[in-house]
Structure formats: C-alpha cells, structure tokens
Amino acid sequence: MNIVIKRYALKFFVKVEQHSIQNDHVHLLIRGTRRSKIQSFLRVVPGQFAQNLTDTLKNKEAKEKIWKYRPFTRVIKGFKPYQIVRDYIQLNECEANGRPYLKTRLRGLSQEQLRELWEY
C-alpha cells in the first residue's frame, strides 16, 4: 500500500505528510497545491487499494466489495486543527501497534500524553 501511495503522490504532485494504514481503514494527511490534483489523488488511491486487495488485475470476475463507506475527506485550515489531525493519526498508528485503546482519548490529551505519543 505504501508503494501505491508514493507512486500516485508523485504523479499528482501531492505531499503525504503522514499516513496510517490499518486493517479496515487508512488515514492520510496530505498537502497539495491544486485542488484538482488532490481530488485525482483521492479518487485513484482507493481504487488502486481495492484492485490490489481483490487482485482484480488478474481475476476479472471479482465482485467483492472492499469499502464499506465512501472516503471521508476534510480540509484543514490553521495550525491548531492541523496539530489535532496529526496527533490523531499518530494515536491511531500507536493503537494499531499495541497501545491500549481508551474511550476518553478523543477528549484531548495532556502535554505529557502527547510527548509520550510521539515517543511510542
């Protein structure tokens, strides 16, 4: 999946600042200069993921559905929202690697917890 992200980031001139690939979802923090290029990137990458996961390139008969929901995107404006999203993606990656999940995690982390998160 990393190869797909890198290939299409180069093709559409999109900078992938952070990513987290899980079993059932993907988080990407991307930056681009043109809206059309970002839209193309966000259209092509999920399609390539689906083709790779179902092996559609070799098996034309595959009708298996990969995505439960359509991709969710959000434009981030400002440094504080950027930090929140960046920390959320890092937290998600740490939880996938064994950090215990807490229901209260989205209510805000202390400065100490944030430092620990980025050292994990």
Protein backbone atom coordinates (compact mmCIF):
# COMPACT_ATOMS: atom_id res chain seq x y z
CA MET A 1 0.00 0.00 0.00
CA ASN A 2 2.90 2.35 0.69
CA ILE A 3 4.08 1.87 -2.88
CA VAL A 4 0.66 2.87 -4.24
CA ILE A 5 0.58 5.99 -2.07
CA LYS A 6 4.10 7.03 -3.08
CA ARG A 7 3.54 6.39 -6.79
CA TYR A 8 0.36 8.45 -7.01
CA ALA A 9 1.65 11.17 -4.70
CA LEU A 10 4.45 11.73 -7.22
CA LYS A 11 2.09 11.54 -10.18
CA PHE A 12 -0.39 14.07 -8.77
CA PHE A 13 2.18 16.31 -7.02
CA VAL A 14 0.73 15.63 -3.58
CA LYS A 15 2.88 15.57 -0.45
CA VAL A 16 1.92 12.83 2.00
CA GLU A 17 2.88 14.26 5.36
CA GLN A 18 1.61 11.38 7.45
CA HIS A 19 -0.21 8.11 6.91
CA SER A 20 -1.56 5.24 8.96
CA ILE A 21 -2.69 2.05 7.24
CA GLN A 22 -4.87 -0.24 9.36
CA ASN A 23 -6.77 -3.47 8.61
CA ASP A 24 -10.05 -1.69 7.95
CA HIS A 25 -9.19 1.94 7.24
CA VAL A 26 -6.49 4.35 6.13
CA HIS A 27 -5.58 7.82 7.42
CA LEU A 28 -3.69 10.23 5.17
CA LEU A 29 -2.54 13.74 5.94
CA ILE A 30 -1.74 15.24 2.57
CA ARG A 31 -0.84 18.63 1.18
CA GLY A 32 -1.24 19.80 -2.38
CA THR A 33 -1.18 22.98 -4.42
CA ARG A 34 -4.08 22.32 -6.79
CA ARG A 35 -7.50 21.09 -5.79
CA SER A 36 -7.87 19.06 -9.00
CA LYS A 37 -4.65 17.16 -8.29
CA ILE A 38 -5.75 16.36 -4.73
CA GLN A 39 -9.15 15.19 -5.98
CA SER A 40 -7.49 12.95 -8.55
CA PHE A 41 -5.18 11.50 -5.91
CA LEU A 42 -8.12 10.81 -3.57
CA ARG A 43 -10.06 9.19 -6.41
CA VAL A 44 -7.27 6.95 -7.72
CA VAL A 45 -5.64 5.72 -4.49
CA PRO A 46 -8.74 3.97 -3.02
CA GLY A 47 -9.38 2.37 -6.40
CA GLN A 48 -5.81 1.08 -6.55
CA PHE A 49 -6.10 -0.24 -2.98
CA ALA A 50 -9.28 -2.10 -3.93
CA GLN A 51 -7.68 -3.55 -7.07
CA ASN A 52 -4.64 -4.74 -5.13
CA LEU A 53 -6.68 -6.20 -2.27
CA THR A 54 -9.10 -8.11 -4.51
CA ASP A 55 -6.45 -8.93 -7.13
CA THR A 56 -8.80 -7.60 -9.84
CA LEU A 57 -5.96 -7.14 -12.27
CA LYS A 58 -5.57 -10.93 -12.57
CA ASN A 59 -9.13 -12.03 -11.81
CA LYS A 60 -11.68 -10.04 -13.84
CA GLU A 61 -14.61 -11.88 -12.22
CA ALA A 62 -14.06 -10.49 -8.72
CA LYS A 63 -17.20 -8.72 -7.48
CA GLU A 64 -16.13 -8.50 -3.84
CA LYS A 65 -16.83 -5.13 -2.20
CA ILE A 66 -13.87 -3.63 -0.33
CA TRP A 67 -15.08 -0.33 1.06
CA LYS A 68 -17.99 -0.19 3.49
CA TYR A 69 -18.25 3.61 3.18
CA ARG A 70 -17.14 6.23 0.71
CA PRO A 71 -13.87 8.02 1.52
CA PHE A 72 -14.17 10.83 4.05
CA THR A 73 -12.09 13.94 3.45
CA ARG A 74 -11.68 17.15 5.36
CA VAL A 75 -9.87 20.36 4.52
CA ILE A 76 -7.77 21.63 7.40
CA LYS A 77 -7.19 25.33 7.79
CA GLY A 78 -4.97 26.65 10.55
CA PHE A 79 -2.20 25.24 12.67
CA LYS A 80 -4.27 24.05 15.66
CA PRO A 81 -6.61 21.84 13.56
CA TYR A 82 -3.53 20.56 11.72
CA GLN A 83 -1.93 19.55 15.05
CA ILE A 84 -5.13 17.81 16.16
CA VAL A 85 -5.34 15.73 12.97
CA ARG A 86 -1.61 14.96 13.05
CA ASP A 87 -1.85 13.77 16.67
CA TYR A 88 -4.99 11.73 15.89
CA ILE A 89 -3.24 9.87 13.07
CA GLN A 90 -0.23 9.21 15.31
CA LEU A 91 -2.50 7.95 18.09
CA ASN A 92 -4.29 5.66 15.63
CA GLU A 93 -0.97 4.23 14.44
CA CYS A 94 0.20 3.66 18.03
CA GLU A 95 -3.06 1.89 18.90
CA ALA A 96 -2.61 -0.40 15.91
CA ASN A 97 0.89 -1.22 17.20
CA GLY A 98 -0.29 -2.22 20.66
CA ARG A 99 -1.05 0.94 22.65
CA PRO A 100 -4.19 0.37 24.74
CA TYR A 101 -7.38 1.96 23.38
CA LEU A 102 -9.12 4.42 25.72
CA LYS A 103 -12.65 5.73 25.14
CA THR A 104 -11.68 9.14 26.52
CA ARG A 105 -8.76 9.53 24.07
CA LEU A 106 -10.60 11.97 21.81
CA ARG A 107 -11.42 14.42 24.59
CA GLY A 108 -7.90 15.74 24.48
CA LEU A 109 -4.52 14.59 25.57
CA SER A 110 -2.31 16.32 28.10
CA GLN A 111 1.10 17.64 27.06
CA GLU A 112 2.74 14.68 28.79
CA GLN A 113 0.50 12.22 26.91
CA LEU A 114 1.29 13.97 23.61
CA ARG A 115 5.04 13.68 24.25
CA GLU A 116 4.60 10.01 25.10
CA LEU A 117 2.52 9.52 21.95
CA TRP A 118 5.29 10.76 19.68
CA GLU A 119 7.95 8.73 21.53
CA TYR A 120 5.94 5.48 21.31
